[in-house]
PDB file of N, CA and C in Angstrom:
ATOM      1  N   ALA A   1      48.808  91.146  93.065  1.00  0.00           N
ATOM      2  CA  ALA A   1      49.316  91.448  91.938  1.00  0.00           C
ATOM      3  C   ALA A   1      50.192  92.597  91.807  1.00  0.00           C
ATOM      4  N   ALA A   2      51.000  92.415  90.916  1.00  0.00           N
ATOM      5  CA  ALA A   2      52.460  93.157  90.448  1.00  0.00           C
ATOM      6  C   ALA A   2      52.133  94.793  90.446  1.00  0.00           C
ATOM      7  N   THR A   3      52.965  95.803  90.809  1.00  0.00           N
ATOM      8  CA  THR A   3      52.742  96.844  90.747  1.00  0.00           C
ATOM      9  C   THR A   3      53.235  97.269  89.200  1.00  0.00           C
ATOM     10  N   ARG A   4      52.649  97.855  88.435  1.00  0.00           N
ATOM     11  CA  ARG A   4      53.041  98.265  87.124  1.00  0.00           C
ATOM     12  C   ARG A   4      53.129  99.652  86.936  1.00  0.00           C
ATOM     13  N   GLN A   5      54.212 100.482  86.329  1.00  0.00           N
ATOM     14  CA  GLN A   5      54.439 101.621  86.155  1.00  0.00           C
ATOM     15  C   GLN A   5      54.218 102.014  84.532  1.00  0.00           C
ATOM     16  N   LEU A   6      53.392 102.911  84.060  1.00  0.00           N
ATOM     17  CA  LEU A   6      53.349 103.304  82.764  1.00  0.00           C
ATOM     18  C   LEU A   6      54.020 104.909  82.822  1.00  0.00           C
ATOM     19  N   ASP A   7      54.527 105.221  81.499  1.00  0.00           N
ATOM     20  CA  ASP A   7      54.901 106.805  81.702  1.00  0.00           C
ATOM     21  C   ASP A   7      53.778 107.259  81.024  1.00  0.00           C
ATOM     22  N   PRO A   8      53.115 108.464  81.602  1.00  0.00           N
ATOM     23  CA  PRO A   8      51.860 109.064  80.896  1.00  0.00           C
ATOM     24  C   PRO A   8      52.201 109.916  80.075  1.00  0.00           C
ATOM     25  N   GLY A   9      53.350 110.305  79.791  1.00  0.00           N
ATOM     26  CA  GLY A   9      54.005 111.001  78.708  1.00  0.00           C
ATOM     27  C   GLY A   9      53.997 110.651  77.427  1.00  0.00           C
ATOM     28  N   CYS A  10      53.933 109.085  77.382  1.00  0.00           N
ATOM     29  CA  CYS A  10      54.371 108.087  76.182  1.00  0.00           C
ATOM     30  C   CYS A  10      53.084 108.206  75.429  1.00  0.00           C
ATOM     31  N   THR A  11      53.517 108.346  74.005  1.00  0.00           N
ATOM     32  CA  THR A  11      52.194 108.206  72.905  1.00  0.00           C
ATOM     33  C   THR A  11      52.088 107.337  72.215  1.00  0.00           C
ATOM     34  N   SER A  12      53.310 106.428  72.110  1.00  0.00           N
ATOM     35  CA  SER A  12      53.124 105.232  71.212  1.00  0.00           C
ATOM     36  C   SER A  12      54.289 104.336  71.461  1.00  0.00           C
ATOM     37  N   GLY A  13      53.963 102.909  71.286  1.00  0.00           N
ATOM     38  CA  GLY A  13      54.423 101.783  71.871  1.00  0.00           C
ATOM     39  C   GLY A  13      54.699 101.722  73.228  1.00  0.00           C
ATOM     40  N   CYS A  14      53.825 102.078  74.193  1.00  0.00           N
ATOM     41  CA  CYS A  14      54.002 102.267  75.348  1.00  0.00           C
ATOM     42  C   CYS A  14      53.899 100.919  76.137  1.00  0.00           C
ATOM     43  N   ALA A  15      54.705 100.566  77.300  1.00  0.00           N
ATOM     44  CA  ALA A  15      54.690  99.231  77.691  1.00  0.00           C
ATOM     45  C   ALA A  15      54.716  99.584  79.381  1.00  0.00           C
ATOM     46  N   PHE A  16      54.200  98.791  80.191  1.00  0.00           N
ATOM     47  CA  PHE A  16      54.127  98.701  81.269  1.00  0.00           C
ATOM     48  C   PHE A  16      55.489  98.321  81.917  1.00  0.00           C
ATOM     49  N   ALA A  17      56.077  98.795  82.834  1.00  0.00           N
ATOM     50  CA  ALA A  17      57.376  98.327  83.507  1.00  0.00           C
ATOM     51  C   ALA A  17      56.750  97.850  84.863  1.00  0.00           C
ATOM     52  N   ASP A  18      57.096  96.481  85.004  1.00  0.00           N
ATOM     53  CA  ASP A  18      56.855  96.043  86.504  1.00  0.00           C
ATOM     54  C   ASP A  18      57.954  96.184  87.416  1.00  0.00           C
ATOM     55  N   GLN A  19      57.228  96.643  88.814  1.00  0.00           N
ATOM     56  CA  GLN A  19      57.965  97.033  89.632  1.00  0.00           C
ATOM     57  C   GLN A  19      58.406  95.766  90.808  1.00  0.00           C
ATOM     58  N   GLN A  20      59.251  95.819  91.263  1.00  0.00           N
ATOM     59  CA  GLN A  20      59.700  94.867  92.482  1.00  0.00           C
ATOM     60  C   GLN A  20      58.116  95.035  93.339  1.00  0.00           C
ATOM     61  N   ARG A  21      57.851  94.003  94.010  1.00  0.00           N
ATOM     62  CA  ARG A  21      56.695  93.790  94.913  1.00  0.00           C
ATOM     63  C   ARG A  21      56.745  94.381  96.159  1.00  0.00           C
ATOM     64  N   THR A  22      55.977  95.387  96.223  1.00  0.00           N
ATOM     65  CA  THR A  22      56.034  96.020  98.138  1.00  0.00           C
ATOM     66  C   THR A  22      54.584  95.553  98.523  1.00  0.00           C
ATOM     67  N   THR A  23      54.414  94.843  99.290  1.00  0.00           N
ATOM     68  CA  THR A  23      53.062  94.133 100.087  1.00  0.00           C
ATOM     69  C   THR A  23      52.472  94.940 101.207  1.00  0.00           C
ATOM     70  N   LEU A  24      51.401  95.105 101.623  1.00  0.00           N
ATOM     71  CA  LEU A  24      50.910  95.770 102.474  1.00  0.00           C
ATOM     72  C   LEU A  24      51.052  94.394 103.598  1.00  0.00           C
ATOM     73  N   PRO A  25      51.076  94.819 105.011  1.00  0.00           N
ATOM     74  CA  PRO A  25      51.301  93.738 105.841  1.00  0.00           C
ATOM     75  C   PRO A  25      49.787  93.169 106.258  1.00  0.00           C
ATOM     76  N   VAL A  26      48.478  93.956 105.594  1.00  0.00           N
ATOM     77  CA  VAL A  26      47.107  93.102 106.045  1.00  0.00           C
ATOM     78  C   VAL A  26      46.618  93.412 104.135  1.00  0.00           C
ATOM     79  N   ALA A  27      45.604  92.320 104.170  1.00  0.00           N
ATOM     80  CA  ALA A  27      44.702  92.628 103.096  1.00  0.00           C
ATOM     81  C   ALA A  27      43.852  93.745 103.002  1.00  0.00           C
ATOM     82  N   LEU A  28      43.330  94.696 102.045  1.00  0.00           N
ATOM     83  CA  LEU A  28      42.319  95.777 102.366  1.00  0.00           C
ATOM     84  C   LEU A  28      41.540  95.344 101.222  1.00  0.00           C
ATOM     85  N   LEU A  29      40.372  96.119 101.904  1.00  0.00           N
ATOM     86  CA  LEU A  29      39.164  96.112 100.878  1.00  0.00           C
ATOM     87  C   LEU A  29      38.715  97.631 100.480  1.00  0.00           C
ATOM     88  N   ALA A  30      38.251  97.724  99.459  1.00  0.00           N
ATOM     89  CA  ALA A  30      37.824  99.304  99.198  1.00  0.00           C
ATOM     90  C   ALA A  30      39.183 100.433  98.902  1.00  0.00           C
ATOM     91  N   THR A  31      40.336  99.479  98.551  1.00  0.00           N
ATOM     92  CA  THR A  31      41.034 100.214  98.661  1.00  0.00           C
ATOM     93  C   THR A  31      41.476 101.644  97.725  1.00  0.00           C
ATOM     94  N   GLN A  32      42.241 102.581  98.176  1.00  0.00           N
ATOM     95  CA  GLN A  32      42.136 104.048  97.354  1.00  0.00           C
ATOM     96  C   GLN A  32      44.186 103.898  97.506  1.00  0.00           C
ATOM     97  N   VAL A  33      44.351 104.677  96.447  1.00  0.00           N
ATOM     98  CA  VAL A  33      45.947 104.863  96.749  1.00  0.00           C
ATOM     99  C   VAL A  33      46.101 106.389  96.526  1.00  0.00           C
ATOM    100  N   PHE A  34      46.571 107.125  97.160  1.00  0.00           N
ATOM    101  CA  PHE A  34      46.917 108.621  96.897  1.00  0.00           C
ATOM    102  C   PHE A  34      48.359 108.847  96.504  1.00  0.00           C
ATOM    103  N   ALA A  35      48.963 109.626  95.378  1.00  0.00           N
ATOM    104  CA  ALA A  35      50.238 109.972  95.215  1.00  0.00           C
ATOM    105  C   ALA A  35      50.791 110.958  96.382  1.00  0.00           C
ATOM    106  N   LEU A  36      51.794 110.734  96.835  1.00  0.00           N
ATOM    107  CA  LEU A  36      52.415 111.930  97.792  1.00  0.00           C
ATOM    108  C   LEU A  36      53.679 112.453  96.758  1.00  0.00           C
ATOM    109  N   ASP A  37      54.765 112.033  97.102  1.00  0.00           N
ATOM    110  CA  ASP A  37      55.882 112.547  96.159  1.00  0.00           C
ATOM    111  C   ASP A  37      56.577 111.561  95.631  1.00  0.00           C
ATOM    112  N   GLY A  38      57.168 111.965  94.671  1.00  0.00           N
ATOM    113  CA  GLY A  38      58.432 110.867  94.209  1.00  0.00           C
ATOM    114  C   GLY A  38      57.920 109.464  93.941  1.00  0.00           C
ATOM    115  N   SER A  39      58.382 108.418  94.825  1.00  0.00           N
ATOM    116  CA  SER A  39      57.948 107.066  94.660  1.00  0.00           C
ATOM    117  C   SER A  39      57.147 107.026  95.965  1.00  0.00           C
ATOM    118  N   ARG A  40      56.642 107.746  96.627  1.00  0.00           N
ATOM    119  CA  ARG A  40      55.792 107.374  97.957  1.00  0.00           C
ATOM    120  C   ARG A  40      54.387 107.759  97.386  1.00  0.00           C
ATOM    121  N   LEU A  41      53.569 106.533  98.053  1.00  0.00           N
ATOM    122  CA  LEU A  41      51.918 106.394  98.041  1.00  0.00           C
ATOM    123  C   LEU A  41      51.485 106.382  99.286  1.00  0.00           C
ATOM    124  N   LEU A  42      50.193 106.767  99.272  1.00  0.00           N
ATOM    125  CA  LEU A  42      49.365 106.608 100.714  1.00  0.00           C
ATOM    126  C   LEU A  42      48.117 105.647 100.387  1.00  0.00           C
ATOM    127  N   ALA A  43      48.087 104.481 100.771  1.00  0.00           N
ATOM    128  CA  ALA A  43      47.249 103.293 100.396  1.00  0.00           C
ATOM    129  C   ALA A  43      46.401 103.254 101.382  1.00  0.00           C
ATOM    130  N   VAL A  44      44.856 103.475 101.392  1.00  0.00           N
ATOM    131  CA  VAL A  44      43.813 103.417 102.592  1.00  0.00           C
ATOM    132  C   VAL A  44      42.809 102.302 102.049  1.00  0.00           C
ATOM    133  N   GLY A  45      42.346 101.899 103.214  1.00  0.00           N
ATOM    134  CA  GLY A  45      41.081 101.096 102.696  1.00  0.00           C
ATOM    135  C   GLY A  45      40.516 100.296 104.139  1.00  0.00           C
ATOM    136  N   SER A  46      39.861  99.456 104.267  1.00  0.00           N
ATOM    137  CA  SER A  46      39.151  98.688 105.060  1.00  0.00           C
ATOM    138  C   SER A  46      39.792  97.031 105.236  1.00  0.00           C
ATOM    139  N   GLU A  47      40.308  96.688 106.492  1.00  0.00           N
ATOM    140  CA  GLU A  47      41.154  95.504 106.380  1.00  0.00           C
ATOM    141  C   GLU A  47      39.851  94.518 106.209  1.00  0.00           C
ATOM    142  N   ARG A  48      40.312  93.530 105.356  1.00  0.00           N
ATOM    143  CA  ARG A  48      39.405  92.315 105.039  1.00  0.00           C
ATOM    144  C   ARG A  48      38.878  91.667 106.408  1.00  0.00           C
ATOM    145  N   SER A  49      39.568  91.440 107.241  1.00  0.00           N
ATOM    146  CA  SER A  49      38.924  90.599 108.641  1.00  0.00           C
ATOM    147  C   SER A  49      38.912  91.818 109.467  1.00  0.00           C
ATOM    148  N   GLY A  50      37.481  92.230 109.941  1.00  0.00           N
ATOM    149  CA  GLY A  50      37.156  92.901 110.832  1.00  0.00           C
ATOM    150  C   GLY A  50      36.726  94.350 110.490  1.00  0.00           C
ATOM    151  N   GLY A  51      37.255  94.625 109.242  1.00  0.00           N
ATOM    152  CA  GLY A  51      36.621  96.208 108.493  1.00  0.00           C
ATOM    153  C   GLY A  51      37.227  97.271 109.140  1.00  0.00           C
ATOM    154  N   HIS A  52      37.990  97.299 109.912  1.00  0.00           N
ATOM    155  CA  HIS A  52      38.700  98.527 110.401  1.00  0.00           C
ATOM    156  C   HIS A  52      39.588  99.274 109.410  1.00  0.00           C
ATOM    157  N   ALA A  53      39.181 100.780 109.119  1.00  0.00           N
ATOM    158  CA  ALA A  53      40.007 101.547 108.278  1.00  0.00           C
ATOM    159  C   ALA A  53      41.663 101.373 108.695  1.00  0.00           C
ATOM    160  N   ARG A  54      42.332 101.385 107.737  1.00  0.00           N
ATOM    161  CA  ARG A  54      43.747 101.298 107.907  1.00  0.00           C
ATOM    162  C   ARG A  54      44.640 102.224 106.791  1.00  0.00           C
ATOM    163  N   ALA A  55      45.593 102.798 107.294  1.00  0.00           N
ATOM    164  CA  ALA A  55      46.475 103.704 106.318  1.00  0.00           C
ATOM    165  C   ALA A  55      47.709 103.040 106.070  1.00  0.00           C
ATOM    166  N   PHE A  56      48.296 103.365 105.015  1.00  0.00           N
ATOM    167  CA  PHE A  56      49.875 102.973 104.929  1.00  0.00           C
ATOM    168  C   PHE A  56      50.467 103.846 104.124  1.00  0.00           C
ATOM    169  N   GLU A  57      51.511 104.364 104.228  1.00  0.00           N
ATOM    170  CA  GLU A  57      52.648 104.868 103.423  1.00  0.00           C
ATOM    171  C   GLU A  57      53.707 103.705 102.736  1.00  0.00           C
ATOM    172  N   VAL A  58      53.545 103.805 101.723  1.00  0.00           N
ATOM    173  CA  VAL A  58      54.510 102.875 100.719  1.00  0.00           C
ATOM    174  C   VAL A  58      55.183 103.782 100.079  1.00  0.00           C
ATOM    175  N   ASP A  59      56.632 103.338  99.950  1.00  0.00           N
ATOM    176  CA  ASP A  59      57.702 104.174  99.265  1.00  0.00           C
ATOM    177  C   ASP A  59      58.292 103.021  98.486  1.00  0.00           C
ATOM    178  N   LEU A  60      58.195 102.999  97.110  1.00  0.00           N
ATOM    179  CA  LEU A  60      58.127 102.580  95.836  1.00  0.00           C
ATOM    180  C   LEU A  60      59.680 102.113  95.736  1.00  0.00           C
ATOM    181  N   GLY A  61      60.381 103.598  96.129  1.00  0.00           N
ATOM    182  CA  GLY A  61      62.025 103.627  95.594  1.00  0.00           C
ATOM    183  C   GLY A  61      62.756 102.902  96.998  1.00  0.00           C
ATOM    184  N   GLN A  62      62.070 102.897  98.206  1.00  0.00           N
ATOM    185  CA  GLN A  62      62.891 102.127  99.282  1.00  0.00           C
ATOM    186  C   GLN A  62      62.079 100.958  99.402  1.00  0.00           C
ATOM    187  N   LYS A  63      61.067 100.367  98.983  1.00  0.00           N
ATOM    188  CA  LYS A  63      60.626  99.266  99.253  1.00  0.00           C
ATOM    189  C   LYS A  63      60.132  98.962 100.335  1.00  0.00           C
ATOM    190  N   SER A  64      59.492 100.169 101.073  1.00  0.00           N
ATOM    191  CA  SER A  64      59.020  99.919 102.375  1.00  0.00           C
ATOM    192  C   SER A  64      57.854 100.443 102.646  1.00  0.00           C
ATOM    193  N   VAL A  65      57.049  99.857 103.737  1.00  0.00           N
ATOM    194  CA  VAL A  65      55.501 100.070 104.086  1.00  0.00           C
ATOM    195  C   VAL A  65      55.624 100.406 105.434  1.00  0.00           C
ATOM    196  N   THR A  66      54.958 101.548 105.809  1.00  0.00           N
ATOM    197  CA  THR A  66      54.957 102.102 107.200  1.00  0.00           C
ATOM    198  C   THR A  66      53.460 102.263 107.582  1.00  0.00           C
ATOM    199  N   GLU A  67      52.954 101.676 108.654  1.00  0.00           N
ATOM    200  CA  GLU A  67      51.532 102.112 108.627  1.00  0.00           C
ATOM    201  C   GLU A  67      51.477 102.996 109.430  1.00  0.00           C
ATOM    202  N   LEU A  68      50.313 104.118 109.223  1.00  0.00           N
ATOM    203  CA  LEU A  68      50.000 105.336 109.847  1.00  0.00           C
ATOM    204  C   LEU A  68      48.669 105.326 110.923  1.00  0.00           C
ATOM    205  N   PRO A  69      49.060 104.465 111.934  1.00  0.00           N
ATOM    206  CA  PRO A  69      47.834 104.406 112.975  1.00  0.00           C
ATOM    207  C   PRO A  69      46.720 105.398 113.045  1.00  0.00           C
ATOM    208  N   LEU A  70      45.789 105.012 113.027  1.00  0.00           N
ATOM    209  CA  LEU A  70      44.704 106.102 113.222  1.00  0.00           C
ATOM    210  C   LEU A  70      44.248 106.302 114.602  1.00  0.00           C
ATOM    211  N   ARG A  71      44.119 107.340 115.478  1.00  0.00           N
ATOM    212  CA  ARG A  71      44.185 107.725 116.598  1.00  0.00           C
ATOM    213  C   ARG A  71      42.495 106.706 117.323  1.00  0.00           C
ATOM    214  N   GLU A  72      41.730 106.548 116.511  1.00  0.00           N
ATOM    215  CA  GLU A  72      40.476 106.481 116.683  1.00  0.00           C
ATOM    216  C   GLU A  72      40.117 105.107 115.808  1.00  0.00           C
ATOM    217  N   PRO A  73      40.290 103.727 116.331  1.00  0.00           N
ATOM    218  CA  PRO A  73      39.954 102.928 115.483  1.00  0.00           C
ATOM    219  C   PRO A  73      38.717 102.664 115.104  1.00  0.00           C
ATOM    220  N   ARG A  74      38.471 102.506 113.632  1.00  0.00           N
ATOM    221  CA  ARG A  74      36.870 102.893 113.139  1.00  0.00           C
ATOM    222  C   ARG A  74      36.673 101.561 112.190  1.00  0.00           C
ATOM    223  N   VAL A  75      35.552 101.396 112.006  1.00  0.00           N
ATOM    224  CA  VAL A  75      34.904 100.662 110.911  1.00  0.00           C
ATOM    225  C   VAL A  75      34.119 101.451 110.151  1.00  0.00           C
ATOM    226  N   GLY A  76      34.111 101.205 108.686  1.00  0.00           N
ATOM    227  CA  GLY A  76      33.232 102.001 107.919  1.00  0.00           C
ATOM    228  C   GLY A  76      33.425 103.588 107.538  1.00  0.00           C
ATOM    229  N   ALA A  77      34.915 103.815 107.732  1.00  0.00           N
ATOM    230  CA  ALA A  77      35.378 105.091 107.793  1.00  0.00           C
ATOM    231  C   ALA A  77      35.561 105.645 105.913  1.00  0.00           C
ATOM    232  N   SER A  78      35.553 106.840 106.120  1.00  0.00           N
ATOM    233  CA  SER A  78      35.868 107.485 104.499  1.00  0.00           C
ATOM    234  C   SER A  78      36.910 108.074 104.511  1.00  0.00           C
ATOM    235  N   PHE A  79      38.005 107.814 103.452  1.00  0.00           N
ATOM    236  CA  PHE A  79      39.097 108.766 103.608  1.00  0.00           C
ATOM    237  C   PHE A  79      38.743 109.713 102.379  1.00  0.00           C
ATOM    238  N   VAL A  80      38.983 111.339 102.713  1.00  0.00           N
ATOM    239  CA  VAL A  80      38.872 112.059 101.574  1.00  0.00           C
ATOM    240  C   VAL A  80      39.843 113.177 101.650  1.00  0.00           C
ATOM    241  N   PRO A  81      40.471 113.396 100.162  1.00  0.00           N
ATOM    242  CA  PRO A  81      41.373 114.335 100.266  1.00  0.00           C
ATOM    243  C   PRO A  81      41.101 116.015 100.879  1.00  0.00           C
ATOM    244  N   ALA A  82      41.867 116.334 101.913  1.00  0.00           N
ATOM    245  CA  ALA A  82      41.341 117.532 102.448  1.00  0.00           C
ATOM    246  C   ALA A  82      42.267 118.906 101.784  1.00  0.00           C
ATOM    247  N   PRO A  83      41.389 120.196 101.612  1.00  0.00           N
ATOM    248  CA  PRO A  83      42.074 121.073 101.009  1.00  0.00           C
ATOM    249  C   PRO A  83      43.570 121.604 101.411  1.00  0.00           C
ATOM    250  N   ASN A  84      44.096 121.287 102.562  1.00  0.00           N
ATOM    251  CA  ASN A  84      45.188 121.471 102.999  1.00  0.00           C
ATOM    252  C   ASN A  84      46.736 120.185 102.340  1.00  0.00           C
ATOM    253  N   GLY A  85      45.912 119.573 101.467  1.00  0.00           N
ATOM    254  CA  GLY A  85      47.090 118.569 101.227  1.00  0.00           C
ATOM    255  C   GLY A  85      46.926 117.305 102.023  1.00  0.00           C
ATOM    256  N   THR A  86      46.442 117.208 103.218  1.00  0.00           N
ATOM    257  CA  THR A  86      46.397 116.147 103.916  1.00  0.00           C
ATOM    258  C   THR A  86      45.250 115.051 103.449  1.00  0.00           C
ATOM    259  N   LEU A  87      44.788 114.083 104.001  1.00  0.00           N
ATOM    260  CA  LEU A  87      43.878 112.780 104.115  1.00  0.00           C
ATOM    261  C   LEU A  87      43.255 112.986 105.227  1.00  0.00           C
ATOM    262  N   ALA A  88      41.814 113.179 105.030  1.00  0.00           N
ATOM    263  CA  ALA A  88      40.713 113.186 106.305  1.00  0.00           C
ATOM    264  C   ALA A  88      40.019 111.814 106.437  1.00  0.00           C
ATOM    265  N   VAL A  89      40.134 111.376 107.698  1.00  0.00           N
ATOM    266  CA  VAL A  89      39.376 110.060 107.795  1.00  0.00           C
ATOM    267  C   VAL A  89      38.240 110.726 108.668  1.00  0.00           C
ATOM    268  N   LEU A  90      36.856 110.412 108.086  1.00  0.00           N
ATOM    269  CA  LEU A  90      35.464 110.625 108.398  1.00  0.00           C
ATOM    270  C   LEU A  90      34.892 109.685 109.004  1.00  0.00           C
ATOM    271  N   GLY A  91      33.788 109.601 109.627  1.00  0.00           N
ATOM    272  CA  GLY A  91      32.947 108.706 109.905  1.00  0.00           C
ATOM    273  C   GLY A  91      33.446 107.297 110.556  1.00  0.00           C
ATOM    274  N   GLY A  92      32.402 106.376 110.674  1.00  0.00           N
ATOM    275  CA  GLY A  92      32.554 105.263 110.984  1.00  0.00           C
ATOM    276  C   GLY A  92      31.912 104.810 112.208  1.00  0.00           C
ATOM    277  N   VAL A  93      32.339 103.918 112.758  1.00  0.00           N
ATOM    278  CA  VAL A  93      31.979 103.315 114.254  1.00  0.00           C
ATOM    279  C   VAL A  93      33.057 102.594 114.926  1.00  0.00           C
ATOM    280  N   HIS A  94      33.010 102.984 116.315  1.00  0.00           N
ATOM    281  CA  HIS A  94      33.960 102.213 117.172  1.00  0.00           C
ATOM    282  C   HIS A  94      33.509 100.554 117.418  1.00  0.00           C
ATOM    283  N   ASP A  95      34.171 100.102 117.564  1.00  0.00           N
ATOM    284  CA  ASP A  95      34.086  98.693 118.182  1.00  0.00           C
ATOM    285  C   ASP A  95      32.961  98.526 118.935  1.00  0.00           C
ATOM    286  N   ASP A  96      32.706  99.489 119.716  1.00  0.00           N
ATOM    287  CA  ASP A  96      31.574  99.067 120.624  1.00  0.00           C
ATOM    288  C   ASP A  96      30.073  99.896 120.300  1.00  0.00           C
ATOM    289  N   GLY A  97      29.973  99.778 118.823  1.00  0.00           N
ATOM    290  CA  GLY A  97      29.048 100.418 118.185  1.00  0.00           C
ATOM    291  C   GLY A  97      28.539 101.847 118.225  1.00  0.00           C
ATOM    292  N   THR A  98      29.358 102.860 119.130  1.00  0.00           N
ATOM    293  CA  THR A  98      29.369 104.425 119.161  1.00  0.00           C
ATOM    294  C   THR A  98      29.723 104.797 117.696  1.00  0.00           C
ATOM    295  N   ALA A  99      29.281 106.301 117.231  1.00  0.00           N
ATOM    296  CA  ALA A  99      29.819 106.744 116.131  1.00  0.00           C
ATOM    297  C   ALA A  99      30.922 107.329 116.328  1.00  0.00           C
ATOM    298  N   ALA A 100      32.020 107.191 115.475  1.00  0.00           N
ATOM    299  CA  ALA A 100      33.340 107.752 115.710  1.00  0.00           C
ATOM    300  C   ALA A 100      32.938 109.449 115.150  1.00  0.00           C
ATOM    301  N   LEU A 101      33.153 110.484 115.854  1.00  0.00           N
ATOM    302  CA  LEU A 101      32.516 111.928 115.849  1.00  0.00           C
ATOM    303  C   LEU A 101      33.611 112.659 115.304  1.00  0.00           C
ATOM    304  N   HIS A 102      34.949 112.132 115.680  1.00  0.00           N
ATOM    305  CA  HIS A 102      36.343 113.008 115.396  1.00  0.00           C
ATOM    306  C   HIS A 102      36.744 113.010 114.041  1.00  0.00           C
ATOM    307  N   VAL A 103      36.996 114.107 113.275  1.00  0.00           N
ATOM    308  CA  VAL A 103      38.002 113.751 112.010  1.00  0.00           C
ATOM    309  C   VAL A 103      39.489 113.606 112.155  1.00  0.00           C
ATOM    310  N   GLU A 104      39.920 113.006 111.642  1.00  0.00           N
ATOM    311  CA  GLU A 104      41.691 112.668 111.571  1.00  0.00           C
ATOM    312  C   GLU A 104      42.050 113.176 110.356  1.00  0.00           C
ATOM    313  N   LEU A 105      43.274 113.924 110.583  1.00  0.00           N
ATOM    314  CA  LEU A 105      44.173 114.125 109.392  1.00  0.00           C
ATOM    315  C   LEU A 105      45.499 113.452 109.303  1.00  0.00           C
ATOM    316  N   LEU A 106      45.317 112.926 108.173  1.00  0.00           N
ATOM    317  CA  LEU A 106      46.811 112.029 108.044  1.00  0.00           C
ATOM    318  C   LEU A 106      47.929 113.111 107.298  1.00  0.00           C
ATOM    319  N   PHE A 107      49.151 112.841 108.035  1.00  0.00           N
ATOM    320  CA  PHE A 107      50.096 113.992 107.630  1.00  0.00           C
ATOM    321  C   PHE A 107      51.506 113.083 107.711  1.00  0.00           C
ATOM    322  N   PRO A 108      51.546 112.157 106.313  1.00  0.00           N
ATOM    323  CA  PRO A 108      52.559 111.428 105.868  1.00  0.00           C
ATOM    324  C   PRO A 108      53.758 112.006 106.182  1.00  0.00           C
ATOM    325  N   ARG A 109      55.031 111.468 106.345  1.00  0.00           N
ATOM    326  CA  ARG A 109      56.500 112.297 106.699  1.00  0.00           C
ATOM    327  C   ARG A 109      56.468 112.889 105.332  1.00  0.00           C
TER     328      ARG A 109
END
C-alpha cells in the first residue's frame, strides 16, 4: 500500500498526502515502525519466508532503504524501544534451534 502522510496538527478539512512509494526488499510480518528524525523511520519485523527478524532504516525524503543486519540472525525476536533511544532486539531462536541469548541494540545512523 502507498505511504500516506497526515498533518497531526490539522483540525478540519484534513486530507492524506500520498508519498512516493518506498519499498522494503523483503515482505515483513508483524511489522513495527519507529520514528527516528525528520523523514527517517525504522521498520522492523519478521520476514514472510523463514521468519527471521529484519530491520530497515527507511528515509522517505531520500527514498532509500538500508538494512541494519543483526549480528545474530534469529527467528521470533522482539523489538523493544530502549531507554537510551535505541531499539533492543530480544529473544528468539537461531536456525539450529538454540536460544538467542544476546541482546542487540540498533543504532541507526
